Amino acid sequence: MGRPADTPDLAGRIARLEAIEEIKALKHRYLRACDAKDPEAFRACFVSSGASIDYGALGTFDDADGIVEVFKRIALQKVDGKNVILDMHHAMHPDITVHDANRASGRWTLKFRQVNLLNDTETVSTGEYDDEYVVEDGRWKISKCHFHRYWAITRPIGEDCRIDR
């Protein structure tokens, strides 16, 4: 049975719920930055230094600057002024634990789709994010982001496929 609304720790419970909502908004900013190809907004989601990042085949880094460079190299590719890597990130099933006022951890399931116009392929994959968050300069930031892919399927894009950009 839940706690009555007038228990003495109501303020703490509200603070925890606010932290969870702020962390969800942080993860959504991160995902939107990925899809919008915005390396500055992507970088701003992480702590200023010392983040633990493991994106499997994309690399392991001890600071967010390394993954930002990979992001730029892959996501920002253009041919004839048009993007050739088209991504769609959807994170769901958040499981966020607030440890204290400045530390939290979370797990998310990712649904990912990528159209690669260089290789004429479409990839659909899924996996899990294992994150840690800290408050830095008054805002929640990602201090650890490890991604484990469960599976992926890559298929060719046929000549009869139309891609509108």
Protein backbone atom coordinates (compact mmCIF):
# COMPACT_ATOMS: atom_id res chain seq x y z
CA MET A 1 0.00 0.00 0.00
CA GLY A 2 1.28 3.49 -0.84
CA ARG A 3 2.16 6.10 1.74
CA PRO A 4 -0.47 8.63 2.77
CA ALA A 5 -0.05 11.98 1.06
CA ASP A 6 0.59 13.77 4.37
CA THR A 7 3.63 11.77 5.52
CA PRO A 8 6.58 13.89 6.75
CA ASP A 9 8.74 13.03 3.73
CA LEU A 10 6.35 14.53 1.18
CA ALA A 11 8.90 17.18 0.14
CA GLY A 12 11.53 14.49 -0.41
CA ARG A 13 9.13 12.41 -2.46
CA ILE A 14 8.27 15.42 -4.62
CA ALA A 15 11.97 16.25 -5.08
CA ARG A 16 12.62 12.67 -6.19
CA LEU A 17 9.78 12.81 -8.73
CA GLU A 18 11.05 16.17 -10.02
CA ALA A 19 14.55 14.71 -10.41
CA ILE A 20 13.16 11.76 -12.38
CA GLU A 21 11.26 14.10 -14.71
CA GLU A 22 14.38 16.26 -15.21
CA ILE A 23 16.43 13.15 -16.05
CA LYS A 24 13.80 12.00 -18.54
CA ALA A 25 13.93 15.44 -20.18
CA LEU A 26 17.75 15.20 -20.29
CA LYS A 27 17.62 11.83 -22.07
CA HIS A 28 15.07 13.17 -24.52
CA ARG A 29 17.30 16.21 -25.26
CA TYR A 30 20.14 13.77 -25.92
CA LEU A 31 18.03 11.70 -28.33
CA ARG A 32 16.72 14.78 -30.15
CA ALA A 33 20.28 16.09 -30.51
CA CYS A 34 21.30 12.77 -32.08
CA ASP A 35 18.51 12.87 -34.64
CA ALA A 36 18.83 16.61 -35.31
CA LYS A 37 22.57 16.19 -35.90
CA ASP A 38 23.36 18.82 -33.27
CA PRO A 39 26.79 18.05 -31.75
CA GLU A 40 26.68 21.03 -29.36
CA ALA A 41 23.34 19.99 -27.84
CA PHE A 42 24.57 16.37 -27.77
CA ARG A 43 27.73 17.40 -25.87
CA ALA A 44 25.76 19.59 -23.46
CA CYS A 45 23.93 16.50 -22.14
CA PHE A 46 27.14 15.15 -20.59
CA VAL A 47 29.26 16.27 -17.64
CA SER A 48 31.95 18.77 -18.52
CA SER A 49 34.72 16.21 -18.07
CA GLY A 50 35.29 12.60 -17.11
CA ALA A 51 32.19 10.86 -18.48
CA SER A 52 32.36 7.07 -18.84
CA ILE A 53 31.05 6.22 -22.30
CA ASP A 54 30.87 2.80 -23.90
CA TYR A 55 28.97 2.57 -27.19
CA GLY A 56 30.25 -0.86 -28.18
CA ALA A 57 31.43 -0.84 -31.80
CA LEU A 58 31.46 2.98 -31.83
CA GLY A 59 34.05 3.06 -29.05
CA THR A 60 34.78 3.52 -25.38
CA PHE A 61 35.70 6.94 -24.02
CA ASP A 62 36.62 8.51 -20.68
CA ASP A 63 35.19 11.87 -21.74
CA ALA A 64 32.25 12.95 -23.91
CA ASP A 65 34.51 14.84 -26.34
CA GLY A 66 35.59 11.54 -27.90
CA ILE A 67 32.08 10.37 -28.72
CA VAL A 68 31.22 13.85 -30.01
CA GLU A 69 33.99 13.47 -32.60
CA VAL A 70 32.62 10.07 -33.63
CA PHE A 71 29.13 11.58 -33.79
CA LYS A 72 30.37 14.38 -36.07
CA ARG A 73 32.30 11.99 -38.31
CA ILE A 74 29.32 9.65 -38.82
CA ALA A 75 26.12 11.65 -38.42
CA LEU A 76 27.19 14.85 -40.17
CA GLN A 77 28.26 13.28 -43.46
CA LYS A 78 26.77 15.01 -46.50
CA VAL A 79 26.69 14.45 -50.23
CA ASP A 80 25.57 17.33 -52.44
CA GLY A 81 24.72 19.28 -49.29
CA LYS A 82 22.31 16.63 -47.98
CA ASN A 83 22.69 14.35 -44.99
CA VAL A 84 23.37 10.74 -45.95
CA ILE A 85 23.02 9.17 -42.50
CA LEU A 86 19.44 9.47 -41.25
CA ASP A 87 18.84 8.35 -37.67
CA MET A 88 15.81 7.81 -35.46
CA HIS A 89 16.39 7.20 -31.73
CA HIS A 90 13.49 6.28 -29.44
CA ALA A 91 14.28 5.46 -25.81
CA MET A 92 11.58 3.93 -23.70
CA HIS A 93 10.92 2.01 -20.50
CA PRO A 94 12.89 4.35 -18.23
CA ASP A 95 13.90 2.82 -14.92
CA ILE A 96 15.42 5.70 -12.94
CA THR A 97 16.68 5.49 -9.38
CA VAL A 98 17.48 8.70 -7.53
CA HIS A 99 20.25 7.93 -5.02
CA ASP A 100 20.41 11.40 -3.46
CA ALA A 101 19.96 15.05 -4.44
CA ASN A 102 22.97 14.89 -6.80
CA ARG A 103 23.22 11.30 -8.07
CA ALA A 104 20.93 8.97 -9.97
CA SER A 105 21.11 5.98 -12.31
CA GLY A 106 18.88 4.76 -15.06
CA ARG A 107 18.22 2.13 -17.69
CA TRP A 108 16.46 2.72 -20.98
CA THR A 109 15.52 0.51 -23.91
CA LEU A 110 16.49 1.98 -27.29
CA LYS A 111 14.66 1.48 -30.57
CA PHE A 112 17.01 2.68 -33.31
CA ARG A 113 16.59 3.01 -37.05
CA GLN A 114 19.24 4.26 -39.44
CA VAL A 115 19.09 4.87 -43.17
CA ASN A 116 22.58 4.91 -44.69
CA LEU A 117 22.44 6.45 -48.14
CA LEU A 118 26.15 5.80 -48.71
CA ASN A 119 25.61 2.04 -48.49
CA ASP A 120 21.93 2.06 -49.49
CA THR A 121 20.98 0.18 -46.33
CA GLU A 122 18.50 0.45 -43.51
CA THR A 123 19.38 -0.84 -40.06
CA VAL A 124 16.91 -1.46 -37.24
CA SER A 125 18.28 -2.36 -33.82
CA THR A 126 17.54 -2.41 -30.13
CA GLY A 127 19.51 -2.47 -26.92
CA GLU A 128 19.84 -1.05 -23.43
CA TYR A 129 21.37 2.13 -22.06
CA ASP A 130 22.91 1.90 -18.59
CA ASP A 131 23.33 5.49 -17.41
CA GLU A 132 24.46 7.43 -14.38
CA TYR A 133 23.57 11.06 -13.77
CA VAL A 134 24.94 13.82 -11.57
CA VAL A 135 23.96 17.39 -10.91
CA GLU A 136 26.49 19.80 -12.41
CA ASP A 137 25.97 23.57 -12.28
CA GLY A 138 22.41 22.99 -11.05
CA ARG A 139 21.35 20.65 -13.90
CA TRP A 140 21.29 16.90 -14.31
CA LYS A 141 23.98 15.64 -16.69
CA ILE A 142 25.00 12.20 -17.96
CA SER A 143 28.17 10.99 -16.22
CA LYS A 144 28.03 7.43 -17.54
CA CYS A 145 26.38 6.12 -20.68
CA HIS A 146 27.00 2.49 -21.62
CA PHE A 147 25.03 0.97 -24.44
CA HIS A 148 24.62 -2.77 -25.06
CA ARG A 149 23.03 -3.73 -28.36
CA TYR A 150 20.78 -6.78 -28.26
CA TRP A 151 20.30 -7.27 -31.98
CA ALA A 152 20.27 -5.52 -35.34
CA ILE A 153 18.99 -6.25 -38.80
CA THR A 154 20.42 -4.52 -41.87
CA ARG A 155 18.73 -4.75 -45.21
CA PRO A 156 19.34 -3.14 -48.60
CA ILE A 157 17.26 -0.22 -49.74
CA GLY A 158 15.81 -1.17 -53.11
CA GLU A 159 15.60 1.06 -56.16
CA ASP A 160 11.83 1.23 -55.67
CA CYS A 161 12.29 2.90 -52.27
CA ARG A 162 11.73 6.67 -52.17
CA ILE A 163 13.38 8.72 -49.45
CA ASP A 164 12.11 12.27 -48.98
CA ARG A 165 14.31 14.75 -47.15
